[in-house]
């Protein structure tokens, strides 16, 4: 049993209390340990992803207790990809936080940042639904602390709203877990995948209710309409590095839907047949429309980017809701794109904030470093709206192609194309107002200082990853296709976790 797979959880879990106890008053030491820790995470995540690239499923049993009774961490193509994506995102977000000085505005930024990484990594690697709930709660606690970092009444109010919505999701999650355990006697995902198939369809009411409750919980995390109300204020009011890190948070919900509804409740499962596909695709299309209309109607630059996150999650959920191998592959490709694009835009918004009194979409004098900031915004906007040549355009083509298998293909194409046009208009309006029209206003005699070079490096790094995702789109999509095939054929995952190839365990055997 290899111990490498537990390190993405253990490393930030050790760093966080160390920073609190030993380096609370030394920002330099905090920065060094945070950066070194994230670099180590990148190296570990890259190794795990390489190990899983040939289809290998890695199992770690905590305390050497075998599943389904022990806690297990599982690394396959999907979980290791998400861990690697989170590590890369965290590195550039951390660079920005250091360069901009955001980490100095509150004493515990780096500790909370590490706890946040611990929760995210655990959610991606766990092989147990209850521990998924536990890591969700770690995420909630750490993210709330990061949200109100450096204080403020508006930020506190947005944070309370964020916590209330997520507590609602946590309550529903507990109800769902209770229902599942009552029906099956287990919460291990691999064990559940076998036991659910043994439930008599005539006595499947309990498991059907649990399936819907789980979907609602993950939809809250993924900000699917009408469960999206927490996101615009929370993301817009959060500190820029925090909002950028939160770009991966909605993907945790998408990841959970992909994992649970391809392995435990697959589309062809008789007891839940058609249950999740009944409303998820329409809700995803509405989310896409609402998000892009919000982009067009936004009066503040930070709100515009927050609504674009809702729109991008709508796009991801459209692909997931198809529940086909091609749809999941397209969704995975777009998840990587939208995470990087949203994070870059949140940081670019902060570059604008550094030179203006407000983020209103009104004509103001040009800000220091406006040329470079405008260029970065231009690239980020093109990526987010899905215009060629960036990966957003490739991702949308993949989703449109996968939608041919859906009975709602006409609606899907119409909503995606119209939403894309609306988002282009919204971002073009914002960019021209903030950057182009600014030259018609006389610059103040004393301009705000130019943002730090490290801040530009961080944004440039995220955009470079986006470009790489575009240049290697063929290889990336081929890998996502293999990943999707692995998800729809979970037998190796199940046999590795349970270490009983080909054997179906029953609730009676477990007890």
Protein backbone atom coordinates (compact mmCIF):
# COMPACT_ATOMS: atom_id res chain seq x y z
CA UNK A 1 0.00 0.00 0.00
CA UNK A 2 1.55 3.28 -1.11
CA UNK A 3 1.43 6.26 1.23
CA UNK A 4 1.79 8.93 -1.47
CA UNK A 5 -1.94 9.26 -2.02
CA UNK A 6 -2.60 10.45 1.55
CA UNK A 7 -0.02 13.25 1.35
CA UNK A 8 -2.24 15.80 -0.47
CA UNK A 9 -4.51 15.65 2.61
CA UNK A 10 -1.91 15.24 5.35
CA UNK A 11 0.59 17.86 4.14
CA UNK A 12 -1.74 20.91 4.35
CA UNK A 13 -3.26 19.44 7.52
CA UNK A 14 0.21 19.57 9.14
CA UNK A 15 1.22 22.93 7.66
CA UNK A 16 -1.90 24.77 8.83
CA UNK A 17 -1.50 24.23 12.60
CA UNK A 18 2.27 24.72 12.31
CA UNK A 19 1.71 28.16 10.76
CA UNK A 20 -0.78 29.06 13.50
CA UNK A 21 1.37 27.86 16.38
CA UNK A 22 4.90 28.64 15.26
CA UNK A 23 4.70 31.43 12.68
CA UNK A 24 1.63 33.43 13.60
CA UNK A 25 3.50 36.73 13.82
CA UNK A 26 6.04 36.07 11.05
CA UNK A 27 4.51 36.65 7.64
CA UNK A 28 7.78 35.84 5.88
CA UNK A 29 7.96 32.37 7.44
CA UNK A 30 4.27 31.79 6.66
CA UNK A 31 4.86 32.65 3.02
CA UNK A 32 7.87 30.35 2.72
CA UNK A 33 6.09 27.35 4.22
CA UNK A 34 2.92 27.97 2.19
CA UNK A 35 4.77 28.24 -1.12
CA UNK A 36 7.01 25.25 -0.41
CA UNK A 37 3.98 23.23 0.71
CA UNK A 38 2.02 24.02 -2.46
CA UNK A 39 5.04 23.25 -4.65
CA UNK A 40 5.30 19.88 -2.87
CA UNK A 41 1.60 19.34 -3.52
CA UNK A 42 2.13 19.99 -7.24
CA UNK A 43 4.95 17.45 -7.37
CA UNK A 44 2.92 14.83 -5.47
CA UNK A 45 -0.20 15.48 -7.55
CA UNK A 46 1.76 15.21 -10.79
CA UNK A 47 3.19 11.88 -9.63
CA UNK A 48 -0.26 10.56 -8.69
CA UNK A 49 -1.72 11.71 -12.01
CA UNK A 50 1.10 10.02 -13.90
CA UNK A 51 0.54 6.81 -11.95
CA UNK A 52 -3.20 6.89 -12.74
CA UNK A 53 -2.74 7.82 -16.41
CA UNK A 54 -2.66 4.20 -17.55
CA UNK A 55 -5.88 3.37 -15.71
CA UNK A 56 -4.29 2.26 -12.44
CA UNK A 57 -6.53 2.71 -9.39
CA UNK A 58 -4.57 3.37 -6.18
CA UNK A 59 -6.04 2.49 -2.79
CA UNK A 60 -5.03 3.77 0.66
CA UNK A 61 -6.63 2.23 3.75
CA UNK A 62 -6.30 4.42 6.83
CA UNK A 63 -5.24 2.32 9.81
CA UNK A 64 -5.02 -0.61 7.38
CA UNK A 65 -8.76 -1.20 7.87
CA UNK A 66 -10.26 -2.75 4.75
CA UNK A 67 -13.30 -1.31 3.02
CA UNK A 68 -16.21 -1.03 3.51
CA UNK A 69 -15.55 -0.74 7.26
CA UNK A 70 -12.39 1.37 7.11
CA UNK A 71 -11.77 4.84 5.70
CA UNK A 72 -10.25 4.69 2.22
CA UNK A 73 -8.71 7.16 -0.19
CA UNK A 74 -8.83 6.25 -3.87
CA UNK A 75 -6.80 7.68 -6.73
CA UNK A 76 -7.97 7.18 -10.30
CA UNK A 77 -7.74 9.35 -13.40
CA UNK A 78 -10.55 11.70 -12.30
CA UNK A 79 -9.54 12.28 -8.68
CA UNK A 80 -5.84 12.76 -9.48
CA UNK A 81 -6.65 15.20 -12.29
CA UNK A 82 -8.72 17.33 -9.90
CA UNK A 83 -5.97 17.19 -7.26
CA UNK A 84 -3.40 18.35 -9.82
CA UNK A 85 -5.68 21.14 -11.08
CA UNK A 86 -6.26 22.34 -7.49
CA UNK A 87 -2.52 22.33 -6.74
CA UNK A 88 -1.65 24.38 -9.83
CA UNK A 89 -4.46 26.84 -9.13
CA UNK A 90 -3.39 27.18 -5.49
CA UNK A 91 0.19 27.99 -6.48
CA UNK A 92 -0.70 30.95 -8.69
CA UNK A 93 -3.37 32.19 -6.27
CA UNK A 94 -0.80 32.09 -3.48
CA UNK A 95 1.70 34.04 -5.60
CA UNK A 96 -0.94 36.69 -6.20
CA UNK A 97 -1.87 36.88 -2.52
CA UNK A 98 1.80 37.46 -1.64
CA UNK A 99 2.46 39.92 -4.47
CA UNK A 100 -0.64 42.00 -3.78
CA UNK A 101 -0.26 41.91 0.01
CA UNK A 102 -3.67 40.34 0.58
CA UNK A 103 -2.11 37.78 2.92
CA UNK A 104 -0.94 40.58 5.25
CA UNK A 105 -4.41 42.00 5.82
CA UNK A 106 -5.35 39.19 8.20
CA UNK A 107 -3.25 37.10 10.54
CA UNK A 108 -4.45 33.61 9.58
CA UNK A 109 -4.66 33.75 5.79
CA UNK A 110 -2.02 31.09 5.14
CA UNK A 111 -3.32 28.69 7.79
CA UNK A 112 -6.87 28.94 6.45
CA UNK A 113 -5.53 28.57 2.92
CA UNK A 114 -3.89 25.26 3.87
CA UNK A 115 -7.03 24.02 5.65
CA UNK A 116 -8.99 24.88 2.52
CA UNK A 117 -6.61 22.82 0.40
CA UNK A 118 -6.93 19.95 2.86
CA UNK A 119 -10.71 19.95 2.47
CA UNK A 120 -10.62 20.17 -1.32
CA UNK A 121 -8.02 17.41 -1.68
CA UNK A 122 -9.90 15.15 0.70
CA UNK A 123 -13.18 15.65 -1.16
CA UNK A 124 -11.54 14.59 -4.42
CA UNK A 125 -9.71 11.56 -3.00
CA UNK A 126 -12.18 10.06 -0.54
CA UNK A 127 -13.90 6.81 -1.42
CA UNK A 128 -16.63 7.18 1.20
CA UNK A 129 -19.76 9.37 1.15
CA UNK A 130 -19.62 10.18 4.85
CA UNK A 131 -16.05 11.38 4.56
CA UNK A 132 -17.09 13.41 1.55
CA UNK A 133 -19.51 15.13 3.94
CA UNK A 134 -16.68 15.62 6.46
CA UNK A 135 -14.41 17.22 3.89
CA UNK A 136 -17.30 19.39 2.70
CA UNK A 137 -17.55 20.72 6.26
CA UNK A 138 -13.80 21.38 6.39
CA UNK A 139 -14.26 23.35 3.17
CA UNK A 140 -17.14 25.31 4.64
CA UNK A 141 -15.30 26.30 7.83
CA UNK A 142 -12.06 27.27 6.09
CA UNK A 143 -13.79 29.09 3.24
CA UNK A 144 -15.89 31.14 5.65
CA UNK A 145 -12.73 32.26 7.44
CA UNK A 146 -11.11 33.18 4.12
CA UNK A 147 -14.23 35.02 2.95
CA UNK A 148 -14.28 37.43 5.87
CA UNK A 149 -10.49 37.82 5.77
CA UNK A 150 -9.59 41.47 6.49
CA UNK A 151 -13.17 42.19 7.64
CA UNK A 152 -15.86 44.61 6.55
CA UNK A 153 -19.62 44.70 7.08
CA UNK A 154 -20.50 43.88 3.46
CA UNK A 155 -18.08 40.96 3.39
CA UNK A 156 -19.41 39.66 6.70
CA UNK A 157 -23.00 39.81 5.43
CA UNK A 158 -22.06 37.96 2.24
CA UNK A 159 -20.20 35.39 4.34
CA UNK A 160 -23.23 34.76 6.56
CA UNK A 161 -25.39 34.21 3.46
CA UNK A 162 -22.78 31.81 2.11
CA UNK A 163 -22.67 29.83 5.35
CA UNK A 164 -26.47 29.62 5.67
CA UNK A 165 -26.91 28.20 2.17
CA UNK A 166 -24.12 25.69 2.71
CA UNK A 167 -25.49 24.67 6.10
CA UNK A 168 -28.76 23.93 4.35
CA UNK A 169 -26.83 21.76 1.94
CA UNK A 170 -25.05 20.03 4.83
CA UNK A 171 -28.39 19.26 6.50
CA UNK A 172 -29.76 17.75 3.31
CA UNK A 173 -26.53 15.79 2.93
CA UNK A 174 -27.00 14.23 6.38
CA UNK A 175 -30.60 13.29 5.53
CA UNK A 176 -29.40 11.69 2.30
CA UNK A 177 -26.63 9.77 4.07
CA UNK A 178 -29.08 8.53 6.69
CA UNK A 179 -31.47 7.32 4.02
CA UNK A 180 -28.72 5.56 2.08
CA UNK A 181 -27.33 3.85 5.16
CA UNK A 182 -30.82 2.74 6.22
CA UNK A 183 -31.36 1.14 2.81
CA UNK A 184 -27.93 -0.41 2.23
CA UNK A 185 -25.97 -0.55 5.49
CA UNK A 186 -22.91 1.12 4.00
CA UNK A 187 -21.59 4.48 2.80
CA UNK A 188 -18.50 3.26 0.98
CA UNK A 189 -18.93 4.27 -2.68
CA UNK A 190 -17.60 1.04 -4.17
CA UNK A 191 -19.70 -1.08 -1.81
CA UNK A 192 -22.75 1.07 -2.54
CA UNK A 193 -22.28 0.56 -6.27
CA UNK A 194 -22.79 -3.16 -5.72
CA UNK A 195 -25.51 -3.07 -3.10
CA UNK A 196 -27.77 -0.60 -4.88
CA UNK A 197 -28.05 -3.00 -7.82
CA UNK A 198 -29.48 -5.63 -5.44
CA UNK A 199 -32.39 -3.44 -4.28
CA UNK A 200 -35.80 -4.60 -5.51
CA UNK A 201 -37.30 -1.89 -7.79
CA UNK A 202 -40.65 -2.35 -6.05
CA UNK A 203 -39.05 -1.32 -2.73
CA UNK A 204 -36.83 1.48 -3.99
CA UNK A 205 -38.61 4.54 -2.59
CA UNK A 206 -35.98 5.18 0.08
CA UNK A 207 -33.00 4.96 -2.25
CA UNK A 208 -34.76 7.12 -4.86
CA UNK A 209 -35.35 9.83 -2.25
CA UNK A 210 -31.71 9.63 -1.18
CA UNK A 211 -30.57 9.90 -4.80
CA UNK A 212 -32.57 13.10 -5.31
CA UNK A 213 -31.39 14.59 -1.99
CA UNK A 214 -27.76 13.94 -2.93
CA UNK A 215 -28.30 15.59 -6.28
CA UNK A 216 -29.79 18.65 -4.56
CA UNK A 217 -26.79 18.86 -2.21
CA UNK A 218 -24.29 18.70 -5.06
CA UNK A 219 -26.37 21.15 -7.10
CA UNK A 220 -26.07 23.67 -4.24
CA UNK A 221 -22.30 23.25 -4.27
CA UNK A 222 -22.28 23.61 -8.06
CA UNK A 223 -24.52 26.73 -7.95
CA UNK A 224 -27.19 25.31 -10.25
CA UNK A 225 -30.33 27.47 -10.62
CA UNK A 226 -32.43 27.87 -8.47
CA UNK A 227 -29.82 26.96 -5.83
CA UNK A 228 -27.30 29.59 -6.95
CA UNK A 229 -28.32 32.62 -4.88
CA UNK A 230 -25.36 32.33 -2.51
CA UNK A 231 -22.71 32.68 -5.21
CA UNK A 232 -22.81 36.23 -6.71
CA UNK A 233 -22.43 38.12 -3.42
CA UNK A 234 -20.08 35.58 -1.88
CA UNK A 235 -17.64 35.54 -4.77
CA UNK A 236 -17.88 39.25 -5.57
CA UNK A 237 -17.27 40.36 -1.99
CA UNK A 238 -14.54 37.83 -1.16
CA UNK A 239 -10.87 38.91 -1.31
CA UNK A 240 -9.55 38.41 -4.84
CA UNK A 241 -7.22 35.45 -4.08
CA UNK A 242 -10.02 33.77 -2.14
CA UNK A 243 -12.52 34.24 -4.98
CA UNK A 244 -9.91 32.84 -7.39
CA UNK A 245 -9.40 29.76 -5.20
CA UNK A 246 -13.18 29.41 -4.94
CA UNK A 247 -13.19 28.82 -8.71
CA UNK A 248 -12.46 25.18 -7.86
CA UNK A 249 -15.16 25.04 -5.16
CA UNK A 250 -18.12 24.80 -7.53
CA UNK A 251 -16.20 22.07 -9.38
CA UNK A 252 -16.29 19.98 -6.19
CA UNK A 253 -20.06 19.79 -6.64
CA UNK A 254 -19.67 18.87 -10.31
CA UNK A 255 -17.06 16.25 -9.40
CA UNK A 256 -19.39 14.71 -6.81
CA UNK A 257 -22.23 14.46 -9.34
CA UNK A 258 -19.95 12.80 -11.88
CA UNK A 259 -18.56 10.35 -9.33
CA UNK A 260 -21.82 9.37 -7.63
CA UNK A 261 -24.05 9.29 -10.71
CA UNK A 262 -21.73 7.24 -12.86
CA UNK A 263 -20.76 4.70 -10.18
CA UNK A 264 -23.48 4.44 -7.51
CA UNK A 265 -26.53 5.63 -9.47
CA UNK A 266 -25.57 5.18 -13.14
CA UNK A 267 -28.05 6.21 -15.85
CA UNK A 268 -29.09 2.61 -16.57
CA UNK A 269 -29.73 1.65 -12.92
CA UNK A 270 -33.29 0.34 -12.74
CA UNK A 271 -34.19 1.65 -9.27
CA UNK A 272 -33.34 5.26 -10.19
CA UNK A 273 -33.87 5.11 -13.95
CA UNK A 274 -34.34 8.57 -15.43
CA UNK A 275 -34.59 10.19 -12.00
CA UNK A 276 -31.64 12.59 -12.18
CA UNK A 277 -31.98 13.28 -15.92
CA UNK A 278 -35.55 14.45 -15.48
CA UNK A 279 -34.74 18.01 -14.40
CA UNK A 280 -30.95 18.38 -14.35
CA UNK A 281 -30.52 19.31 -18.03
CA UNK A 282 -33.30 21.96 -17.99
CA UNK A 283 -31.87 23.38 -14.76
CA UNK A 284 -28.41 23.48 -16.32
CA UNK A 285 -29.69 25.31 -19.39
CA UNK A 286 -31.49 27.84 -17.17
CA UNK A 287 -28.29 28.28 -15.12
CA UNK A 288 -26.35 29.00 -18.29
CA UNK A 289 -28.94 31.56 -19.40
CA UNK A 290 -29.22 33.23 -15.98
CA UNK A 291 -25.46 33.46 -15.63
CA UNK A 292 -24.90 35.12 -18.99
CA UNK A 293 -27.86 37.49 -18.60
CA UNK A 294 -26.29 38.42 -15.25
CA UNK A 295 -23.04 39.18 -17.11
CA UNK A 296 -24.91 41.51 -19.44
CA UNK A 297 -26.85 43.21 -16.65
CA UNK A 298 -24.00 43.53 -14.13
CA UNK A 299 -23.19 47.06 -12.92
CA UNK A 300 -19.97 46.08 -11.16
CA UNK A 301 -16.97 44.29 -12.62
CA UNK A 302 -16.69 41.78 -9.78
CA UNK A 303 -20.37 40.86 -10.10
CA UNK A 304 -19.90 40.37 -13.82
CA UNK A 305 -17.19 37.76 -13.21
CA UNK A 306 -19.26 36.10 -10.46
CA UNK A 307 -22.21 35.68 -12.83
CA UNK A 308 -19.88 34.32 -15.49
CA UNK A 309 -18.98 31.57 -13.01
CA UNK A 310 -22.68 30.65 -12.76
CA UNK A 311 -22.86 30.61 -16.56
CA UNK A 312 -19.75 28.45 -16.89
CA UNK A 313 -21.10 26.01 -14.29
CA UNK A 314 -24.32 25.90 -16.29
CA UNK A 315 -22.24 24.90 -19.31
CA UNK A 316 -20.47 22.19 -17.29
CA UNK A 317 -23.77 20.85 -15.95
CA UNK A 318 -25.29 20.74 -19.44
CA UNK A 319 -22.54 18.32 -20.47
CA UNK A 320 -22.82 16.31 -17.24
CA UNK A 321 -26.62 16.09 -17.48
CA UNK A 322 -26.31 14.22 -20.78
CA UNK A 323 -24.82 11.31 -18.76
CA UNK A 324 -23.04 9.89 -21.80
CA UNK A 325 -19.31 9.13 -22.15
CA UNK A 326 -18.89 11.93 -24.70
CA UNK A 327 -20.81 14.36 -22.49
CA UNK A 328 -18.74 13.59 -19.39
CA UNK A 329 -15.50 13.87 -21.42
CA UNK A 330 -16.59 17.30 -22.70
CA UNK A 331 -17.57 18.36 -19.17
CA UNK A 332 -14.16 17.37 -17.79
CA UNK A 333 -12.34 19.31 -20.49
CA UNK A 334 -14.52 22.37 -19.81
CA UNK A 335 -14.04 22.06 -16.03
CA UNK A 336 -10.30 22.59 -16.41
CA UNK A 337 -10.87 25.54 -18.74
CA UNK A 338 -13.52 27.32 -16.66
CA UNK A 339 -11.55 26.91 -13.41
CA UNK A 340 -8.47 28.60 -14.84
CA UNK A 341 -10.43 31.30 -16.71
CA UNK A 342 -12.59 32.26 -13.72
CA UNK A 343 -9.60 32.39 -11.35
CA UNK A 344 -7.64 34.60 -13.77
CA UNK A 345 -10.57 37.00 -14.17
CA UNK A 346 -11.06 37.39 -10.41
CA UNK A 347 -7.39 38.32 -10.07
CA UNK A 348 -7.60 40.72 -13.02
CA UNK A 349 -10.57 42.42 -11.36
CA UNK A 350 -8.37 42.99 -8.32
CA UNK A 351 -5.71 44.56 -10.55
CA UNK A 352 -8.38 47.02 -11.67
CA UNK A 353 -9.53 47.55 -8.07
CA UNK A 354 -5.99 48.52 -7.04
CA UNK A 355 -6.11 51.64 -9.23
CA UNK A 356 -9.76 52.74 -8.89
CA UNK A 357 -12.02 53.91 -6.12
CA UNK A 358 -14.71 51.44 -7.16
CA UNK A 359 -15.53 48.63 -9.58
CA UNK A 360 -18.59 50.29 -11.07
CA UNK A 361 -18.93 49.84 -14.82
CA UNK A 362 -18.68 53.57 -15.37
CA UNK A 363 -16.07 55.64 -17.12
CA UNK A 364 -13.24 56.51 -14.76
CA UNK A 365 -9.69 57.82 -15.30
CA UNK A 366 -7.18 55.20 -16.51
CA UNK A 367 -5.45 53.16 -13.81
CA UNK A 368 -1.75 52.50 -13.39
CA UNK A 369 -0.62 49.62 -15.59
CA UNK A 370 -3.86 49.89 -17.57
CA UNK A 371 -2.32 48.64 -20.83
CA UNK A 372 -1.07 45.35 -19.39
CA UNK A 373 -4.17 44.88 -17.25
CA UNK A 374 -6.41 45.52 -20.26
CA UNK A 375 -4.47 42.97 -22.32
CA UNK A 376 -4.88 40.36 -19.60
CA UNK A 377 -8.60 41.15 -19.30
CA UNK A 378 -8.96 40.84 -23.07
CA UNK A 379 -7.41 37.35 -23.04
CA UNK A 380 -9.43 36.26 -20.00
CA UNK A 381 -12.69 37.57 -21.48
CA UNK A 382 -12.11 35.77 -24.78
CA UNK A 383 -11.44 32.56 -22.88
CA UNK A 384 -14.49 32.86 -20.63
CA UNK A 385 -16.92 33.74 -23.43
CA UNK A 386 -15.76 30.80 -25.53
CA UNK A 387 -14.45 32.69 -28.51
CA UNK A 388 -11.68 31.13 -30.63
CA UNK A 389 -8.86 30.33 -30.37
CA UNK A 390 -8.88 29.48 -26.66
CA UNK A 391 -10.00 26.32 -24.88
CA UNK A 392 -13.46 27.70 -24.10
CA UNK A 393 -14.28 27.52 -27.81
CA UNK A 394 -13.00 23.94 -28.01
CA UNK A 395 -14.96 22.99 -24.90
CA UNK A 396 -18.20 24.43 -26.25
CA UNK A 397 -17.75 22.57 -29.54
CA UNK A 398 -17.28 19.32 -27.60
CA UNK A 399 -20.43 19.97 -25.55
CA UNK A 400 -22.48 20.88 -28.63
CA UNK A 401 -21.29 17.71 -30.35
CA UNK A 402 -22.16 15.57 -27.31
CA UNK A 403 -25.65 17.15 -27.15
CA UNK A 404 -26.67 15.47 -30.40
CA UNK A 405 -27.58 12.40 -28.35
CA UNK A 406 -30.06 14.37 -26.22
CA UNK A 407 -33.78 14.74 -27.00
CA UNK A 408 -33.36 18.40 -26.03
CA UNK A 409 -30.64 18.95 -28.63
CA UNK A 410 -32.40 21.93 -30.25
CA UNK A 411 -32.92 23.68 -26.91
CA UNK A 412 -29.36 22.91 -25.86
CA UNK A 413 -27.83 24.35 -29.03
CA UNK A 414 -30.09 27.41 -28.93
CA UNK A 415 -29.36 28.24 -25.29
CA UNK A 416 -25.60 27.69 -25.60
CA UNK A 417 -25.27 29.82 -28.74
CA UNK A 418 -27.50 32.62 -27.45
CA UNK A 419 -25.77 32.63 -24.06
CA UNK A 420 -22.39 32.81 -25.78
CA UNK A 421 -23.50 35.85 -27.77
CA UNK A 422 -24.86 37.56 -24.65
CA UNK A 423 -21.65 36.92 -22.74
CA UNK A 424 -19.56 38.40 -25.57
CA UNK A 425 -21.67 41.57 -25.49
CA UNK A 426 -21.47 41.76 -21.68
CA UNK A 427 -17.70 41.38 -21.50
CA UNK A 428 -17.16 43.73 -24.47
CA UNK A 429 -19.27 46.40 -22.77
CA UNK A 430 -17.34 46.01 -19.52
CA UNK A 431 -13.95 46.08 -21.20
CA UNK A 432 -14.68 49.13 -23.32
CA UNK A 433 -16.10 51.01 -20.32
CA UNK A 434 -13.27 50.22 -17.93
CA UNK A 435 -10.30 50.43 -20.29
CA UNK A 436 -11.09 52.08 -23.64
CA UNK A 437 -13.39 54.91 -22.54
CA UNK A 438 -11.07 55.65 -19.63
CA UNK A 439 -8.75 57.49 -22.03
CA UNK A 440 -11.46 60.10 -22.60
CA UNK A 441 -11.19 61.12 -18.93
CA UNK A 442 -8.31 63.21 -17.69
CA UNK A 443 -5.94 61.19 -15.53
CA UNK A 444 -5.43 62.37 -11.93
CA UNK A 445 -2.19 64.11 -11.07
CA UNK A 446 -1.26 61.39 -8.62
CA UNK A 447 -2.13 57.88 -9.78
CA UNK A 448 -2.31 54.81 -7.58
CA UNK A 449 0.88 52.71 -7.59
CA UNK A 450 1.26 50.08 -10.26
CA UNK A 451 0.41 46.51 -9.12
CA UNK A 452 3.37 44.35 -8.13
CA UNK A 453 5.17 42.33 -10.79
CA UNK A 454 4.40 39.12 -8.88
CA UNK A 455 0.68 39.84 -9.27
CA UNK A 456 1.06 39.99 -13.04
CA UNK A 457 3.17 36.83 -12.98
CA UNK A 458 0.39 34.97 -11.15
CA UNK A 459 -2.28 36.04 -13.64
CA UNK A 460 0.05 35.34 -16.55
CA UNK A 461 0.70 31.86 -15.17
CA UNK A 462 -3.01 31.02 -15.13
CA UNK A 463 -3.48 32.32 -18.66
CA UNK A 464 -0.42 30.32 -19.78
CA UNK A 465 -2.08 27.17 -18.44
CA UNK A 466 -5.19 28.11 -20.43
CA UNK A 467 -3.12 28.47 -23.58
CA UNK A 468 -1.46 25.11 -22.91
CA UNK A 469 -4.92 23.57 -22.43
CA UNK A 470 -5.77 24.91 -25.89
CA UNK A 471 -2.55 23.92 -27.66
CA UNK A 472 -2.76 20.37 -26.31
CA UNK A 473 -6.54 20.13 -26.67
CA UNK A 474 -6.30 16.90 -28.69
CA UNK A 475 -4.21 15.12 -26.09
CA UNK A 476 -6.29 16.56 -23.24
CA UNK A 477 -9.57 15.44 -24.79
CA UNK A 478 -8.17 11.99 -25.51
CA UNK A 479 -7.23 11.71 -21.84
CA UNK A 480 -10.67 12.95 -20.77
CA UNK A 481 -12.27 10.37 -23.07
CA UNK A 482 -10.25 7.61 -21.41
CA UNK A 483 -11.23 9.05 -18.03
CA UNK A 484 -14.90 9.02 -18.99
CA UNK A 485 -14.66 5.42 -20.17
CA UNK A 486 -13.14 4.48 -16.81
CA UNK A 487 -16.00 6.22 -14.99
CA UNK A 488 -18.66 4.31 -16.95
CA UNK A 489 -16.85 1.01 -16.35
CA UNK A 490 -16.17 1.21 -12.59
CA UNK A 491 -15.45 -2.52 -12.07
CA UNK A 492 -11.67 -2.00 -11.60
CA UNK A 493 -12.35 0.80 -9.09
CA UNK A 494 -14.80 -1.38 -7.16
CA UNK A 495 -12.63 -4.49 -7.15
CA UNK A 496 -9.57 -2.49 -6.05
CA UNK A 497 -11.40 -0.87 -3.14
CA UNK A 498 -13.20 -4.00 -1.93
CA UNK A 499 -10.34 -6.33 -2.86
CA UNK A 500 -12.93 -8.95 -3.86
CA UNK A 501 -12.91 -9.09 -7.68
CA UNK A 502 -16.18 -10.23 -9.16
CA UNK A 503 -17.97 -10.73 -5.84
CA UNK A 504 -21.16 -8.90 -4.92
CA UNK A 505 -21.51 -8.19 -1.22
CA UNK A 506 -25.00 -8.07 0.24
CA UNK A 507 -26.29 -6.14 3.25
CA UNK A 508 -26.76 -9.45 5.07
CA UNK A 509 -23.10 -10.40 4.54
CA UNK A 510 -21.93 -7.03 5.82
CA UNK A 511 -23.81 -7.41 9.07
